[in-house]
Protein backbone atom coordinates (compact mmCIF):
# COMPACT_ATOMS: atom_id res chain seq x y z
CA MET A 1 -82.38 -32.13 -88.84
CA ASN A 2 -79.53 -31.13 -90.80
CA ALA A 3 -79.27 -27.52 -91.04
CA THR A 4 -75.87 -26.24 -92.39
CA TRP A 5 -74.83 -23.87 -94.56
CA GLU A 6 -75.36 -23.83 -98.26
CA PRO A 7 -72.29 -24.31 -100.69
CA GLY A 8 -71.93 -20.65 -101.96
CA THR A 9 -72.98 -18.93 -98.75
CA PRO A 10 -70.26 -15.70 -98.49
CA GLY A 11 -67.46 -16.77 -95.83
CA LEU A 12 -67.70 -20.28 -95.90
CA LEU A 13 -64.70 -22.86 -95.39
CA GLU A 14 -65.46 -26.32 -96.53
CA LEU A 15 -63.50 -28.79 -94.63
CA PRO A 16 -61.80 -32.29 -96.08
CA SER A 17 -65.06 -33.78 -94.27
CA GLY A 18 -67.18 -31.94 -95.99
CA ARG A 19 -68.39 -29.85 -92.88
CA PHE A 20 -69.21 -26.31 -93.60
CA VAL A 21 -68.22 -23.71 -91.22
CA ARG A 22 -68.43 -19.85 -92.05
CA GLY A 23 -65.96 -17.25 -91.09
CA ARG A 24 -66.85 -13.46 -90.94
CA GLY A 25 -65.79 -9.98 -89.32
CA LEU A 26 -68.04 -8.37 -86.75
CA ARG A 27 -67.48 -4.85 -87.97
CA ARG A 28 -69.12 -5.28 -91.31
CA ALA A 29 -73.07 -6.13 -91.29
CA LEU A 30 -74.62 -9.48 -90.69
CA PRO A 31 -74.58 -11.35 -94.66
CA GLY A 32 -78.24 -11.99 -95.73
CA GLY A 33 -79.77 -15.46 -95.83
CA PRO A 34 -80.12 -17.95 -92.96
CA LEU A 35 -78.89 -16.61 -89.59
CA PRO A 36 -76.17 -18.85 -87.23
CA GLN A 37 -76.99 -21.78 -85.15
CA PHE A 38 -73.92 -21.28 -83.14
CA GLY A 39 -71.27 -19.06 -83.09
CA LEU A 40 -67.70 -18.70 -81.30
CA TYR A 41 -66.91 -15.33 -81.29
CA LEU A 42 -62.67 -14.25 -80.81
CA LEU A 43 -62.53 -10.86 -79.18
CA GLY A 44 -60.47 -9.25 -76.66
CA ARG A 45 -63.84 -8.14 -75.06
CA ARG A 46 -67.21 -9.71 -74.82
CA PRO A 47 -69.34 -9.29 -77.67
CA ALA A 48 -72.40 -7.79 -77.96
CA PRO A 49 -75.29 -10.32 -77.28
CA VAL A 50 -76.57 -12.53 -80.41
CA ASP A 51 -79.79 -14.13 -81.26
CA TRP A 52 -78.65 -17.65 -81.00
CA GLU A 53 -76.55 -20.01 -79.15
CA SER A 54 -72.88 -18.50 -79.20
CA ARG A 55 -69.34 -19.31 -77.05
CA TRP A 56 -66.87 -16.17 -76.18
CA LEU A 57 -63.98 -16.96 -76.30
CA ARG A 58 -61.04 -14.12 -75.29
CA TRP A 59 -58.29 -13.55 -78.04
CA PRO A 60 -57.20 -9.85 -78.51
CA ASP A 61 -56.58 -8.48 -81.95
CA PHE A 62 -53.02 -9.49 -83.67
CA ARG A 63 -52.52 -12.25 -80.29
CA LEU A 64 -53.27 -15.67 -79.98
CA PRO A 65 -55.93 -16.76 -77.42
CA SER A 66 -55.39 -15.99 -73.81
CA ASP A 67 -56.90 -19.71 -72.65
CA ARG A 68 -55.50 -22.55 -74.90
CA THR A 69 -57.09 -24.85 -73.55
CA ASP A 70 -60.77 -23.51 -73.67
CA ALA A 71 -59.28 -22.31 -77.33
CA ALA A 72 -59.05 -25.85 -78.22
CA ASP A 73 -62.47 -27.37 -76.48
CA ALA A 74 -64.30 -24.11 -78.20
CA LEU A 75 -62.70 -25.43 -80.91
CA ARG A 76 -63.37 -28.62 -81.45
CA THR A 77 -66.84 -27.79 -80.25
CA VAL A 78 -67.01 -25.74 -83.48
CA LEU A 79 -65.91 -28.65 -85.65
CA ALA A 80 -68.21 -31.26 -84.27
CA ARG A 81 -71.07 -28.83 -84.24
CA ALA A 82 -70.93 -27.94 -87.72
CA GLY A 83 -71.52 -31.66 -89.09
CA ASP A 84 -75.76 -30.43 -88.72
CA GLU A 85 -75.96 -26.62 -87.63
CA ARG A 86 -75.17 -23.68 -89.40
CA VAL A 87 -71.81 -22.31 -87.18
CA GLU A 88 -69.57 -19.38 -87.56
CA VAL A 89 -66.28 -17.85 -86.01
CA ALA A 90 -66.01 -14.46 -86.35
CA CYS A 91 -63.43 -11.78 -85.27
CA GLY A 92 -63.40 -8.30 -85.83
CA GLY A 93 -62.32 -7.95 -89.22
CA GLY A 94 -62.62 -11.80 -90.08
CA ARG A 95 -58.95 -12.79 -90.95
CA GLY A 96 -56.41 -12.78 -88.28
CA ARG A 97 -57.67 -14.42 -85.38
CA THR A 98 -60.80 -16.37 -87.33
CA GLY A 99 -58.41 -17.14 -90.06
CA THR A 100 -55.80 -18.97 -87.54
CA ALA A 101 -58.90 -20.71 -85.54
CA LEU A 102 -60.32 -21.76 -88.94
CA ALA A 103 -57.22 -23.47 -89.67
CA CYS A 104 -56.73 -25.05 -85.98
CA ILE A 105 -60.62 -26.30 -87.00
CA ALA A 106 -59.06 -28.03 -90.35
CA VAL A 107 -56.10 -29.26 -88.22
CA LEU A 108 -58.80 -30.50 -86.12
CA ASP A 109 -60.77 -32.56 -89.27
CA GLY A 110 -57.49 -34.05 -90.06
CA VAL A 111 -55.29 -30.96 -92.55
CA PRO A 112 -51.52 -31.40 -91.48
CA GLY A 113 -50.63 -28.29 -89.25
CA GLY A 114 -47.89 -27.19 -92.10
CA GLU A 115 -50.56 -27.45 -94.57
CA ALA A 116 -53.37 -25.67 -92.96
CA VAL A 117 -52.75 -21.45 -93.06
CA ALA A 118 -52.32 -22.60 -96.83
CA TYR A 119 -56.03 -24.45 -96.67
CA VAL A 120 -57.83 -21.82 -95.63
CA ARG A 121 -56.29 -19.23 -97.24
CA GLU A 122 -57.13 -21.28 -100.41
CA HIS A 123 -60.53 -22.01 -99.20
CA TYR A 124 -61.51 -19.31 -97.44
CA ASP A 125 -59.32 -15.92 -97.61
CA ALA A 126 -56.08 -15.13 -98.92
CA HIS A 127 -54.99 -13.13 -96.32
CA ALA A 128 -56.13 -15.28 -93.58
CA VAL A 129 -53.90 -15.92 -90.71
CA GLU A 130 -52.11 -12.32 -90.34
CA THR A 131 -49.05 -12.53 -87.66
CA PRO A 132 -46.17 -14.97 -87.71
CA TRP A 133 -47.56 -16.14 -84.02
CA GLN A 134 -50.32 -16.91 -85.28
CA ARG A 135 -49.04 -18.77 -88.22
CA ARG A 136 -47.00 -20.88 -85.60
CA PHE A 137 -49.85 -21.49 -83.51
CA VAL A 138 -51.87 -23.21 -85.91
CA SER A 139 -48.06 -25.49 -87.13
CA ARG A 140 -47.88 -26.60 -83.97
CA PHE A 141 -51.87 -27.07 -82.52
CA GLU A 142 -51.81 -31.06 -82.73
CA ARG A 143 -49.56 -31.44 -80.58
CA PHE A 144 -49.07 -27.89 -78.44
CA GLY A 145 -50.31 -28.16 -75.23
CA GLY A 146 -52.05 -32.26 -75.34
CA PHE A 147 -54.52 -31.11 -78.05
CA GLU A 148 -56.12 -34.68 -79.16
CA ARG A 149 -57.72 -34.63 -82.94
CA PHE A 150 -61.03 -34.61 -83.81
CA GLU A 151 -62.58 -37.80 -84.04
CA ARG A 152 -65.08 -38.37 -86.79
């Protein structure tokens, strides 16, 4: 059963492959409509429990993920599950860490690393990816630390 997000869902990023991932800020109320089936939460501390399957990635505010290998695995998981599930990626505000993660997911989906920040800013949030080191992380994501492109 395919249960992905409906086009027009707030915070939705459509990837070049046609997969959808919802980004959001956890400091805002949960949007109405269907709940996610899987969430990746990018926070410095373990998030509150949710009623759906989730994964926590230690990622302090305005910084980079604490464990880059775990981050690459988590982002590949998001992309794979977005093929037939409602998947969301979220941090406190929904812009810096979430935008960085979404840009890396876009790289995994085929967007060149040097274009991924612009892609996410155009299709998700104009203020996504907030710091110079987050932008650099995205631009180097494909080759940094042996990350492999997602196989479709």
